[in-house]
Amino acid sequence: METELNINVLVVDDNNINRLLINKVLTRWGAHADFAENGLQAVEKVTANQNYDVVLMDVYMPEMGGIEATQVIRATPGAYFQQLPIIALTASMLSSERDQISEAGMNDYILKPFEPKNLFEKLSAYQKV
């Protein structure tokens, strides 16, 4: 089962408990995690660092939500911003939300509360080989 992940993840969630939980799981797998509390911070970090393998992006956040942040990232010129895997973190998954997520340019989604096994499977697809 899940053991190790060689991956650099940006976790974007306005809920401190969610960030702590995800960090605990990622650390156990040996993944490197960085954090942002809203979409605005996420855009700043992605633009400044350009070293993330994947972004876990909460959909609903104050200041700037995940959908909007993803649209800003995707609109930034450069292959990195077009190809960076962005996975939505969402508590509910209505078909209208699924459409919004894919239209914004998100690659996938994970339901909250997340199942570690599910998270591992999704992230392992994007790890450095």
N, C-alpha and C. Protein backbone atom coordinates (compact mmCIF):
# COMPACT_ATOMS: atom_id res chain seq x y z
N MET A 1 0.84 -1.19 0.00
CA MET A 1 0.00 0.00 0.00
C MET A 1 0.88 1.25 0.00
N GLU A 2 0.32 2.37 0.42
CA GLU A 2 1.05 3.62 0.33
C GLU A 2 2.31 3.62 1.20
N THR A 3 3.41 4.04 0.61
CA THR A 3 4.65 4.12 1.35
C THR A 3 5.30 5.47 1.15
N GLU A 4 5.80 5.72 -0.06
CA GLU A 4 6.55 6.95 -0.27
C GLU A 4 6.10 7.72 -1.50
N LEU A 5 6.19 9.02 -1.38
CA LEU A 5 5.90 9.91 -2.50
C LEU A 5 7.04 10.90 -2.63
N ASN A 6 7.65 10.93 -3.80
CA ASN A 6 8.68 11.92 -4.07
C ASN A 6 8.00 13.04 -4.85
N ILE A 7 7.45 13.99 -4.10
CA ILE A 7 6.59 14.99 -4.73
C ILE A 7 6.59 16.27 -3.91
N ASN A 8 6.43 17.39 -4.60
CA ASN A 8 6.37 18.70 -3.97
C ASN A 8 4.94 19.23 -4.17
N VAL A 9 4.19 19.31 -3.07
CA VAL A 9 2.77 19.65 -3.15
C VAL A 9 2.48 21.01 -2.54
N LEU A 10 1.69 21.82 -3.24
CA LEU A 10 1.17 23.05 -2.64
C LEU A 10 -0.26 22.75 -2.20
N VAL A 11 -0.51 22.87 -0.89
CA VAL A 11 -1.83 22.62 -0.33
C VAL A 11 -2.50 23.97 -0.08
N VAL A 12 -3.63 24.20 -0.73
CA VAL A 12 -4.33 25.47 -0.60
C VAL A 12 -5.68 25.22 0.07
N ASP A 13 -5.80 25.66 1.32
CA ASP A 13 -7.03 25.45 2.07
C ASP A 13 -7.10 26.51 3.16
N ASP A 14 -8.26 27.13 3.32
CA ASP A 14 -8.40 28.17 4.33
C ASP A 14 -8.60 27.58 5.72
N ASN A 15 -8.82 26.28 5.81
CA ASN A 15 -9.06 25.63 7.10
C ASN A 15 -7.76 25.04 7.65
N ASN A 16 -7.34 25.58 8.78
CA ASN A 16 -6.08 25.16 9.40
C ASN A 16 -6.07 23.67 9.74
N ILE A 17 -7.20 23.13 10.21
CA ILE A 17 -7.30 21.71 10.56
C ILE A 17 -7.05 20.86 9.31
N ASN A 18 -7.67 21.24 8.20
CA ASN A 18 -7.47 20.50 6.94
C ASN A 18 -6.00 20.52 6.52
N ARG A 19 -5.37 21.69 6.66
CA ARG A 19 -3.95 21.79 6.29
C ARG A 19 -3.11 20.88 7.17
N LEU A 20 -3.40 20.87 8.48
CA LEU A 20 -2.65 20.02 9.41
C LEU A 20 -2.83 18.54 9.08
N LEU A 21 -4.06 18.14 8.79
CA LEU A 21 -4.34 16.74 8.45
C LEU A 21 -3.60 16.31 7.19
N ILE A 22 -3.70 17.14 6.16
CA ILE A 22 -3.03 16.81 4.89
C ILE A 22 -1.52 16.78 5.10
N ASN A 23 -1.00 17.73 5.86
CA ASN A 23 0.44 17.78 6.12
C ASN A 23 0.90 16.51 6.83
N LYS A 24 0.13 16.06 7.80
CA LYS A 24 0.47 14.85 8.56
C LYS A 24 0.59 13.64 7.62
N VAL A 25 -0.38 13.51 6.73
CA VAL A 25 -0.41 12.39 5.78
C VAL A 25 0.75 12.51 4.79
N LEU A 26 0.94 13.71 4.23
CA LEU A 26 2.01 13.91 3.25
C LEU A 26 3.39 13.66 3.87
N THR A 27 3.58 14.14 5.10
CA THR A 27 4.86 13.97 5.78
C THR A 27 5.15 12.49 5.99
N ARG A 28 4.12 11.74 6.35
CA ARG A 28 4.28 10.30 6.56
C ARG A 28 4.75 9.61 5.28
N TRP A 29 4.32 10.13 4.14
CA TRP A 29 4.73 9.56 2.85
C TRP A 29 6.05 10.13 2.34
N GLY A 30 6.62 11.07 3.08
CA GLY A 30 7.89 11.67 2.66
C GLY A 30 7.74 12.74 1.59
N ALA A 31 6.51 13.17 1.38
CA ALA A 31 6.27 14.23 0.39
C ALA A 31 6.62 15.58 1.01
N HIS A 32 6.94 16.56 0.17
CA HIS A 32 7.21 17.90 0.68
C HIS A 32 5.97 18.75 0.45
N ALA A 33 5.50 19.41 1.51
CA ALA A 33 4.29 20.21 1.38
C ALA A 33 4.56 21.68 1.70
N ASP A 34 3.91 22.54 0.93
CA ASP A 34 3.92 23.97 1.18
C ASP A 34 2.45 24.36 1.28
N PHE A 35 2.17 25.50 1.92
CA PHE A 35 0.78 25.83 2.19
C PHE A 35 0.40 27.25 1.81
N ALA A 36 -0.85 27.40 1.40
CA ALA A 36 -1.44 28.72 1.15
C ALA A 36 -2.84 28.69 1.74
N GLU A 37 -3.30 29.85 2.22
CA GLU A 37 -4.60 29.91 2.89
C GLU A 37 -5.73 30.36 1.99
N ASN A 38 -5.40 30.84 0.81
CA ASN A 38 -6.45 31.21 -0.14
C ASN A 38 -5.88 31.23 -1.55
N GLY A 39 -6.76 31.45 -2.52
CA GLY A 39 -6.35 31.41 -3.92
C GLY A 39 -5.32 32.46 -4.28
N LEU A 40 -5.43 33.62 -3.63
CA LEU A 40 -4.49 34.71 -3.90
C LEU A 40 -3.07 34.29 -3.53
N GLN A 41 -2.92 33.73 -2.33
CA GLN A 41 -1.60 33.23 -1.89
C GLN A 41 -1.12 32.11 -2.81
N ALA A 42 -2.04 31.26 -3.23
CA ALA A 42 -1.69 30.14 -4.11
C ALA A 42 -1.09 30.65 -5.42
N VAL A 43 -1.75 31.64 -6.02
CA VAL A 43 -1.27 32.20 -7.28
C VAL A 43 0.12 32.81 -7.08
N GLU A 44 0.30 33.55 -5.97
CA GLU A 44 1.60 34.17 -5.67
C GLU A 44 2.69 33.11 -5.53
N LYS A 45 2.39 32.04 -4.78
CA LYS A 45 3.40 30.99 -4.55
C LYS A 45 3.74 30.24 -5.82
N VAL A 46 2.73 29.88 -6.60
CA VAL A 46 2.97 29.15 -7.84
C VAL A 46 3.81 30.00 -8.80
N THR A 47 3.47 31.28 -8.89
CA THR A 47 4.19 32.19 -9.78
C THR A 47 5.61 32.41 -9.32
N ALA A 48 5.79 32.59 -8.01
CA ALA A 48 7.12 32.87 -7.48
C ALA A 48 8.04 31.65 -7.51
N ASN A 49 7.51 30.48 -7.18
CA ASN A 49 8.35 29.30 -7.01
C ASN A 49 8.48 28.42 -8.24
N GLN A 50 7.37 28.18 -8.92
CA GLN A 50 7.34 27.32 -10.10
C GLN A 50 8.05 25.99 -9.87
N ASN A 51 7.92 25.44 -8.66
CA ASN A 51 8.60 24.17 -8.37
C ASN A 51 7.65 23.11 -7.81
N TYR A 52 6.35 23.35 -7.90
CA TYR A 52 5.40 22.37 -7.39
C TYR A 52 5.10 21.32 -8.45
N ASP A 53 4.94 20.07 -7.98
CA ASP A 53 4.57 18.98 -8.89
C ASP A 53 3.06 18.90 -9.03
N VAL A 54 2.38 19.33 -7.99
CA VAL A 54 0.91 19.26 -7.98
C VAL A 54 0.37 20.26 -6.94
N VAL A 55 -0.83 20.77 -7.22
CA VAL A 55 -1.50 21.68 -6.28
C VAL A 55 -2.80 21.03 -5.83
N LEU A 56 -3.02 20.97 -4.51
CA LEU A 56 -4.30 20.55 -3.96
C LEU A 56 -5.04 21.83 -3.62
N MET A 57 -6.12 22.10 -4.32
CA MET A 57 -6.78 23.41 -4.26
C MET A 57 -8.20 23.30 -3.74
N ASP A 58 -8.43 23.86 -2.55
CA ASP A 58 -9.79 23.94 -2.01
C ASP A 58 -10.62 24.80 -2.96
N VAL A 59 -11.88 24.42 -3.15
CA VAL A 59 -12.73 25.16 -4.09
C VAL A 59 -13.26 26.45 -3.47
N TYR A 60 -13.73 26.37 -2.22
CA TYR A 60 -14.33 27.54 -1.58
C TYR A 60 -13.42 28.13 -0.51
N MET A 61 -12.93 29.35 -0.77
CA MET A 61 -12.05 30.04 0.18
C MET A 61 -12.33 31.53 0.13
N PRO A 62 -12.03 32.25 1.23
CA PRO A 62 -12.19 33.71 1.21
C PRO A 62 -11.14 34.36 0.29
N GLU A 63 -11.36 35.58 -0.08
CA GLU A 63 -10.49 36.39 -0.94
C GLU A 63 -10.48 35.91 -2.38
N MET A 64 -10.05 34.66 -2.59
CA MET A 64 -10.11 34.08 -3.94
C MET A 64 -10.27 32.58 -3.81
N GLY A 65 -11.32 32.05 -4.43
CA GLY A 65 -11.58 30.62 -4.38
C GLY A 65 -10.68 29.83 -5.34
N GLY A 66 -10.78 28.53 -5.25
CA GLY A 66 -9.94 27.64 -6.05
C GLY A 66 -10.20 27.70 -7.55
N ILE A 67 -11.46 27.88 -7.92
CA ILE A 67 -11.81 27.96 -9.34
C ILE A 67 -11.13 29.18 -9.96
N GLU A 68 -11.30 30.32 -9.30
CA GLU A 68 -10.73 31.57 -9.79
C GLU A 68 -9.19 31.51 -9.82
N ALA A 69 -8.61 30.96 -8.75
CA ALA A 69 -7.15 30.85 -8.68
C ALA A 69 -6.62 29.97 -9.81
N THR A 70 -7.32 28.88 -10.08
CA THR A 70 -6.92 27.99 -11.17
C THR A 70 -6.99 28.72 -12.51
N GLN A 71 -8.04 29.50 -12.71
CA GLN A 71 -8.18 30.26 -13.96
C GLN A 71 -7.02 31.24 -14.12
N VAL A 72 -6.62 31.89 -13.02
CA VAL A 72 -5.50 32.84 -13.07
C VAL A 72 -4.20 32.11 -13.42
N ILE A 73 -3.98 30.96 -12.78
CA ILE A 73 -2.77 30.17 -13.05
C ILE A 73 -2.75 29.72 -14.51
N ARG A 74 -3.88 29.20 -14.97
CA ARG A 74 -3.95 28.71 -16.36
C ARG A 74 -3.78 29.85 -17.39
N ALA A 75 -4.15 31.06 -17.00
CA ALA A 75 -4.05 32.20 -17.91
C ALA A 75 -2.64 32.79 -17.94
N THR A 76 -1.78 32.33 -17.03
CA THR A 76 -0.40 32.83 -16.98
C THR A 76 0.39 32.18 -18.11
N PRO A 77 1.13 32.99 -18.91
CA PRO A 77 1.89 32.42 -20.02
C PRO A 77 3.01 31.50 -19.52
N GLY A 78 3.24 30.43 -20.26
CA GLY A 78 4.31 29.51 -19.92
C GLY A 78 3.78 28.10 -19.73
N ALA A 79 4.55 27.13 -20.21
CA ALA A 79 4.14 25.72 -20.17
C ALA A 79 3.88 25.25 -18.74
N TYR A 80 4.69 25.72 -17.79
CA TYR A 80 4.52 25.28 -16.40
C TYR A 80 3.10 25.55 -15.90
N PHE A 81 2.60 26.75 -16.20
CA PHE A 81 1.28 27.17 -15.70
C PHE A 81 0.14 26.45 -16.42
N GLN A 82 0.39 26.02 -17.65
CA GLN A 82 -0.62 25.29 -18.41
C GLN A 82 -0.67 23.83 -17.96
N GLN A 83 0.49 23.28 -17.59
CA GLN A 83 0.58 21.84 -17.34
C GLN A 83 0.58 21.44 -15.87
N LEU A 84 0.77 22.41 -14.96
CA LEU A 84 0.80 22.10 -13.53
C LEU A 84 -0.49 21.37 -13.12
N PRO A 85 -0.38 20.15 -12.58
CA PRO A 85 -1.59 19.43 -12.16
C PRO A 85 -2.24 20.12 -10.96
N ILE A 86 -3.53 20.43 -11.09
CA ILE A 86 -4.28 21.06 -10.01
C ILE A 86 -5.46 20.15 -9.68
N ILE A 87 -5.50 19.71 -8.41
CA ILE A 87 -6.56 18.81 -7.95
C ILE A 87 -7.46 19.58 -6.99
N ALA A 88 -8.75 19.61 -7.29
CA ALA A 88 -9.70 20.32 -6.44
C ALA A 88 -9.98 19.53 -5.17
N LEU A 89 -10.05 20.25 -4.05
CA LEU A 89 -10.50 19.66 -2.79
C LEU A 89 -11.89 20.21 -2.56
N THR A 90 -12.89 19.35 -2.48
CA THR A 90 -14.25 19.84 -2.34
C THR A 90 -15.07 18.94 -1.43
N ALA A 91 -15.96 19.55 -0.68
CA ALA A 91 -16.78 18.80 0.26
C ALA A 91 -18.00 18.18 -0.43
N SER A 92 -18.43 18.76 -1.52
CA SER A 92 -19.56 18.19 -2.25
C SER A 92 -19.22 18.15 -3.72
N MET A 93 -19.80 17.21 -4.43
CA MET A 93 -19.48 17.12 -5.84
C MET A 93 -20.75 16.98 -6.66
N LEU A 94 -21.37 18.11 -6.92
CA LEU A 94 -22.53 18.12 -7.79
C LEU A 94 -22.01 18.17 -9.22
N SER A 95 -22.83 17.75 -10.16
CA SER A 95 -22.37 17.73 -11.55
C SER A 95 -22.01 19.14 -12.03
N SER A 96 -22.74 20.16 -11.53
CA SER A 96 -22.43 21.53 -11.92
C SER A 96 -21.04 21.93 -11.44
N GLU A 97 -20.66 21.46 -10.24
CA GLU A 97 -19.33 21.74 -9.71
C GLU A 97 -18.27 21.03 -10.52
N ARG A 98 -18.56 19.79 -10.91
CA ARG A 98 -17.61 19.03 -11.72
C ARG A 98 -17.31 19.77 -13.02
N ASP A 99 -18.37 20.33 -13.62
CA ASP A 99 -18.20 21.11 -14.85
C ASP A 99 -17.32 22.33 -14.60
N GLN A 100 -17.61 23.05 -13.51
CA GLN A 100 -16.83 24.25 -13.15
C GLN A 100 -15.36 23.90 -12.97
N ILE A 101 -15.11 22.79 -12.29
CA ILE A 101 -13.75 22.36 -12.00
C ILE A 101 -12.99 22.08 -13.29
N SER A 102 -13.61 21.33 -14.19
CA SER A 102 -12.90 21.02 -15.44
C SER A 102 -12.79 22.23 -16.35
N GLU A 103 -13.82 23.07 -16.37
CA GLU A 103 -13.77 24.29 -17.18
C GLU A 103 -12.66 25.24 -16.71
N ALA A 104 -12.42 25.27 -15.40
CA ALA A 104 -11.38 26.14 -14.86
C ALA A 104 -9.99 25.63 -15.20
N GLY A 105 -9.91 24.36 -15.59
CA GLY A 105 -8.62 23.79 -15.94
C GLY A 105 -8.03 22.90 -14.86
N MET A 106 -8.88 22.50 -13.89
CA MET A 106 -8.41 21.57 -12.87
C MET A 106 -8.35 20.17 -13.46
N ASN A 107 -7.38 19.38 -13.01
CA ASN A 107 -7.16 18.06 -13.59
C ASN A 107 -8.01 16.97 -12.96
N ASP A 108 -8.40 17.17 -11.71
CA ASP A 108 -9.06 16.11 -10.98
C ASP A 108 -9.66 16.70 -9.71
N TYR A 109 -10.32 15.87 -8.92
CA TYR A 109 -10.85 16.36 -7.64
C TYR A 109 -10.76 15.26 -6.59
N ILE A 110 -10.74 15.68 -5.34
CA ILE A 110 -10.76 14.77 -4.19
C ILE A 110 -11.83 15.29 -3.26
N LEU A 111 -12.68 14.39 -2.79
CA LEU A 111 -13.73 14.78 -1.86
C LEU A 111 -13.17 14.90 -0.45
N LYS A 112 -13.66 15.92 0.27
CA LYS A 112 -13.31 16.07 1.68
C LYS A 112 -14.49 15.57 2.51
N PRO A 113 -14.28 14.92 3.65
CA PRO A 113 -12.96 14.57 4.18
C PRO A 113 -12.29 13.52 3.28
N PHE A 114 -11.02 13.71 3.02
CA PHE A 114 -10.35 12.85 2.06
C PHE A 114 -9.95 11.51 2.67
N GLU A 115 -9.89 10.53 1.81
CA GLU A 115 -9.46 9.18 2.15
C GLU A 115 -7.97 9.11 1.80
N PRO A 116 -7.06 8.88 2.77
CA PRO A 116 -5.62 8.88 2.46
C PRO A 116 -5.26 8.01 1.25
N LYS A 117 -5.86 6.83 1.15
CA LYS A 117 -5.55 5.93 0.04
C LYS A 117 -5.88 6.59 -1.30
N ASN A 118 -7.01 7.26 -1.35
CA ASN A 118 -7.45 7.96 -2.55
C ASN A 118 -6.48 9.10 -2.89
N LEU A 119 -6.10 9.87 -1.86
CA LEU A 119 -5.16 10.97 -2.04
C LEU A 119 -3.83 10.44 -2.57
N PHE A 120 -3.36 9.33 -1.98
CA PHE A 120 -2.08 8.75 -2.41
C PHE A 120 -2.13 8.35 -3.88
N GLU A 121 -3.22 7.70 -4.28
CA GLU A 121 -3.36 7.26 -5.68
C GLU A 121 -3.32 8.44 -6.64
N LYS A 122 -4.05 9.49 -6.29
CA LYS A 122 -4.10 10.67 -7.17
C LYS A 122 -2.74 11.35 -7.25
N LEU A 123 -2.07 11.51 -6.09
CA LEU A 123 -0.79 12.20 -6.08
C LEU A 123 0.33 11.38 -6.71
N SER A 124 0.29 10.06 -6.54
CA SER A 124 1.37 9.23 -7.06
C SER A 124 1.49 9.32 -8.58
N ALA A 125 0.39 9.67 -9.24
CA ALA A 125 0.41 9.84 -10.69
C ALA A 125 1.29 11.01 -11.11
N TYR A 126 1.51 11.96 -10.19
CA TYR A 126 2.24 13.19 -10.55
C TYR A 126 3.62 13.28 -9.92
N GLN A 127 4.06 12.22 -9.23
CA GLN A 127 5.34 12.34 -8.55
C GLN A 127 6.51 12.29 -9.51
N LYS A 128 7.65 12.83 -9.03
CA LYS A 128 8.89 12.81 -9.81
C LYS A 128 9.38 11.37 -9.89
N VAL A 129 9.80 10.99 -11.04
CA VAL A 129 10.27 9.61 -11.23
C VAL A 129 11.76 9.53 -10.92
